[in-house]
C-alpha atoms as a PDB file:
ATOM      1  CA  MET A   1       2.891  -7.112 -17.764  1.00  0.00           C
ATOM      2  CA  ASN A   2       2.010  -3.750 -16.367  1.00  0.00           C
ATOM      3  CA  ASP A   3      -0.355  -1.061 -17.679  1.00  0.00           C
ATOM      4  CA  LEU A   4       2.254   1.648 -18.322  1.00  0.00           C
ATOM      5  CA  GLU A   5       4.887  -0.899 -20.252  1.00  0.00           C
ATOM      6  CA  PHE A   6       1.838  -2.398 -21.987  1.00  0.00           C
ATOM      7  CA  ALA A   7       0.923   1.861 -22.791  1.00  0.00           C
ATOM      8  CA  LYS A   8       4.862   1.709 -23.852  1.00  0.00           C
ATOM      9  CA  ARG A   9       4.454  -0.564 -26.310  1.00  0.00           C
ATOM     10  CA  TYR A  10       1.237   0.671 -27.612  1.00  0.00           C
ATOM     11  CA  TYR A  11       2.526   3.635 -28.583  1.00  0.00           C
ATOM     12  CA  ASP A  12       5.964   2.586 -29.681  1.00  0.00           C
ATOM     13  CA  ALA A  13       3.644   0.297 -32.286  1.00  0.00           C
ATOM     14  CA  TRP A  14       1.513   3.420 -33.291  1.00  0.00           C
ATOM     15  CA  ASN A  15       4.299   5.711 -33.725  1.00  0.00           C
ATOM     16  CA  ALA A  16       6.228   2.853 -35.955  1.00  0.00           C
ATOM     17  CA  ARG A  17       3.205   2.146 -38.033  1.00  0.00           C
ATOM     18  CA  ASN A  18       4.008  -1.305 -37.677  1.00  0.00           C
ATOM     19  CA  LEU A  19       1.344  -3.157 -38.208  1.00  0.00           C
ATOM     20  CA  ASP A  20       2.213  -6.762 -36.855  1.00  0.00           C
ATOM     21  CA  GLN A  21       3.116  -4.734 -33.420  1.00  0.00           C
ATOM     22  CA  ILE A  22      -0.114  -3.266 -33.420  1.00  0.00           C
ATOM     23  CA  ILE A  23      -2.565  -6.232 -33.895  1.00  0.00           C
ATOM     24  CA  ALA A  24      -0.317  -8.295 -31.145  1.00  0.00           C
ATOM     25  CA  LEU A  25      -1.061  -6.312 -28.669  1.00  0.00           C
ATOM     26  CA  TYR A  26      -5.734  -7.301 -29.560  1.00  0.00           C
ATOM     27  CA  HIS A  27      -6.728 -10.600 -27.919  1.00  0.00           C
ATOM     28  CA  GLU A  28      -8.158 -12.368 -31.514  1.00  0.00           C
ATOM     29  CA  ASP A  29     -11.868 -11.713 -30.316  1.00  0.00           C
ATOM     30  CA  ILE A  30     -11.206  -8.099 -29.670  1.00  0.00           C
ATOM     31  CA  GLU A  31     -14.520  -5.605 -29.439  1.00  0.00           C
ATOM     32  CA  PHE A  32     -13.170  -2.510 -30.941  1.00  0.00           C
ATOM     33  CA  SER A  33     -15.889   0.496 -31.202  1.00  0.00           C
ATOM     34  CA  SER A  34     -14.763   3.691 -32.527  1.00  0.00           C
ATOM     35  CA  PRO A  35     -17.030   6.523 -34.776  1.00  0.00           C
ATOM     36  CA  TYR A  36     -14.272   6.216 -37.241  1.00  0.00           C
ATOM     37  CA  ILE A  37     -15.259   2.926 -38.134  1.00  0.00           C
ATOM     38  CA  ALA A  38     -18.875   3.509 -39.403  1.00  0.00           C
ATOM     39  CA  ALA A  39     -17.769   6.705 -40.986  1.00  0.00           C
ATOM     40  CA  LEU A  40     -14.966   4.413 -42.828  1.00  0.00           C
ATOM     41  CA  GLY A  41     -17.630   2.085 -44.016  1.00  0.00           C
ATOM     42  CA  PHE A  42     -17.028  -0.947 -41.300  1.00  0.00           C
ATOM     43  CA  ALA A  43     -19.649  -1.202 -39.144  1.00  0.00           C
ATOM     44  CA  PRO A  44     -23.194   0.665 -39.181  1.00  0.00           C
ATOM     45  CA  ASP A  45     -22.975   0.351 -35.447  1.00  0.00           C
ATOM     46  CA  GLY A  46     -18.988   1.299 -35.147  1.00  0.00           C
ATOM     47  CA  VAL A  47     -17.698  -1.400 -33.377  1.00  0.00           C
ATOM     48  CA  ILE A  48     -15.780  -4.508 -35.021  1.00  0.00           C
ATOM     49  CA  HIS A  49     -15.274  -8.066 -33.679  1.00  0.00           C
ATOM     50  CA  GLY A  50     -12.302 -10.076 -34.458  1.00  0.00           C
ATOM     51  CA  ARG A  51      -9.039  -9.472 -34.679  1.00  0.00           C
ATOM     52  CA  ASP A  52      -9.273 -10.113 -38.569  1.00  0.00           C
ATOM     53  CA  MET A  53     -11.669  -7.277 -38.909  1.00  0.00           C
ATOM     54  CA  LEU A  54      -9.568  -5.022 -36.762  1.00  0.00           C
ATOM     55  CA  LYS A  55      -6.644  -5.409 -39.114  1.00  0.00           C
ATOM     56  CA  LEU A  56      -8.477  -4.483 -42.087  1.00  0.00           C
ATOM     57  CA  TYR A  57      -9.943  -1.798 -40.401  1.00  0.00           C
ATOM     58  CA  PHE A  58      -5.990  -0.344 -38.898  1.00  0.00           C
ATOM     59  CA  GLN A  59      -4.368  -0.990 -42.109  1.00  0.00           C
ATOM     60  CA  ARG A  60      -6.882   1.168 -44.260  1.00  0.00           C
ATOM     61  CA  ALA A  61      -6.740   3.792 -41.437  1.00  0.00           C
ATOM     62  CA  LEU A  62      -2.729   3.960 -41.680  1.00  0.00           C
ATOM     63  CA  GLU A  63      -2.967   4.464 -45.200  1.00  0.00           C
ATOM     64  CA  ARG A  64      -5.371   7.167 -45.216  1.00  0.00           C
ATOM     65  CA  ALA A  65      -3.244   8.650 -42.631  1.00  0.00           C
ATOM     66  CA  PRO A  66       0.469   8.472 -43.734  1.00  0.00           C
ATOM     67  CA  ASP A  67       1.725  10.767 -40.895  1.00  0.00           C
ATOM     68  CA  LEU A  68      -0.781   9.549 -37.756  1.00  0.00           C
ATOM     69  CA  THR A  69       1.446   9.500 -34.412  1.00  0.00           C
ATOM     70  CA  PHE A  70       0.300   9.454 -31.410  1.00  0.00           C
ATOM     71  CA  THR A  71       1.682  11.656 -28.403  1.00  0.00           C
ATOM     72  CA  ALA A  72       0.708  10.101 -24.531  1.00  0.00           C
ATOM     73  CA  GLU A  73      -0.914  13.348 -22.516  1.00  0.00           C
ATOM     74  CA  ALA A  74      -2.336  10.380 -19.822  1.00  0.00           C
ATOM     75  CA  ILE A  75      -2.644   7.087 -17.860  1.00  0.00           C
ATOM     76  CA  PHE A  76      -5.506   6.230 -15.701  1.00  0.00           C
ATOM     77  CA  VAL A  77      -5.570   2.454 -14.750  1.00  0.00           C
ATOM     78  CA  GLY A  78      -8.716   0.636 -13.274  1.00  0.00           C
ATOM     79  CA  ALA A  79      -9.016  -3.060 -12.310  1.00  0.00           C
ATOM     80  CA  ARG A  80      -9.859  -4.351 -15.355  1.00  0.00           C
ATOM     81  CA  GLY A  81      -7.486  -2.369 -18.056  1.00  0.00           C
ATOM     82  CA  HIS A  82      -6.346   1.444 -18.534  1.00  0.00           C
ATOM     83  CA  THR A  83      -7.496   4.207 -20.458  1.00  0.00           C
ATOM     84  CA  LEU A  84      -4.989   6.130 -22.497  1.00  0.00           C
ATOM     85  CA  ILE A  85      -5.310  10.002 -23.132  1.00  0.00           C
ATOM     86  CA  TYR A  86      -3.300  10.878 -26.005  1.00  0.00           C
ATOM     87  CA  ARG A  87      -3.300  13.636 -28.852  1.00  0.00           C
ATOM     88  CA  ASN A  88      -2.868  12.596 -32.925  1.00  0.00           C
ATOM     89  CA  HIS A  89      -0.997  13.714 -35.431  1.00  0.00           C
ATOM     90  CA  ARG A  90      -4.364  16.029 -35.945  1.00  0.00           C
ATOM     91  CA  GLY A  91      -3.903  17.415 -32.976  1.00  0.00           C
ATOM     92  CA  GLU A  92      -7.505  15.603 -31.517  1.00  0.00           C
ATOM     93  CA  ARG A  93      -7.026  14.143 -27.874  1.00  0.00           C
ATOM     94  CA  THR A  94      -7.835  11.042 -27.504  1.00  0.00           C
ATOM     95  CA  ALA A  95      -9.108   8.459 -24.994  1.00  0.00           C
ATOM     96  CA  GLU A  96      -9.100   4.807 -25.520  1.00  0.00           C
ATOM     97  CA  HIS A  97      -9.880   2.238 -22.803  1.00  0.00           C
ATOM     98  CA  HIS A  98      -8.413  -1.291 -22.790  1.00  0.00           C
ATOM     99  CA  GLU A  99      -9.824  -3.734 -21.025  1.00  0.00           C
ATOM    100  CA  MET A 100      -7.005  -6.685 -20.823  1.00  0.00           C
ATOM    101  CA  ASP A 101      -6.854 -10.254 -20.356  1.00  0.00           C
ATOM    102  CA  ALA A 102      -6.627 -11.953 -17.326  1.00  0.00           C
ATOM    103  CA  LEU A 103      -3.015 -11.924 -17.446  1.00  0.00           C
ATOM    104  CA  GLY A 104      -3.182  -8.120 -18.611  1.00  0.00           C
ATOM    105  CA  SER A 105      -1.125  -8.622 -21.964  1.00  0.00           C
ATOM    106  CA  LEU A 106      -3.813  -8.503 -24.628  1.00  0.00           C
ATOM    107  CA  ILE A 107      -6.989  -6.491 -25.364  1.00  0.00           C
ATOM    108  CA  VAL A 108     -10.309  -8.000 -25.106  1.00  0.00           C
ATOM    109  CA  ARG A 109     -12.639  -4.522 -25.261  1.00  0.00           C
ATOM    110  CA  ALA A 110     -11.354  -1.255 -26.584  1.00  0.00           C
ATOM    111  CA  GLU A 111     -13.244   1.680 -27.229  1.00  0.00           C
ATOM    112  CA  ALA A 112     -12.149   4.853 -28.682  1.00  0.00           C
ATOM    113  CA  THR A 113     -13.558   8.372 -28.011  1.00  0.00           C
ATOM    114  CA  TYR A 114     -12.255  11.735 -29.212  1.00  0.00           C
ATOM    115  CA  GLU A 115     -13.302  15.052 -27.820  1.00  0.00           C
ATOM    116  CA  PRO A 116     -15.530  17.381 -29.505  1.00  0.00           C
ATOM    117  CA  SER A 117     -13.951  20.520 -31.513  1.00  0.00           C
END
């Protein structure tokens, strides 16, 4: 799967608020980091390991933000994956880097970063 196709699946899943489709984008052994992980009490270092824990985190995020949507702004493609630039429902600009598995079909490592306001 190419990066543009994957980005479309990513945005479609999030904007549909379909937790099963969202989680299906990630490898079983995903490492995911975000400052919101610590803020929501999941891990003090802001890093989640494993799809089960990630699903709980995303479920809480969806519950806390019933109007959550992502609006794509750009994609940057690298040797191991891509970085998506988008705005969320609060207008917050986000860069989320995805390192992909060898087939380019699942995210094995992700880091969500946010533009300071």
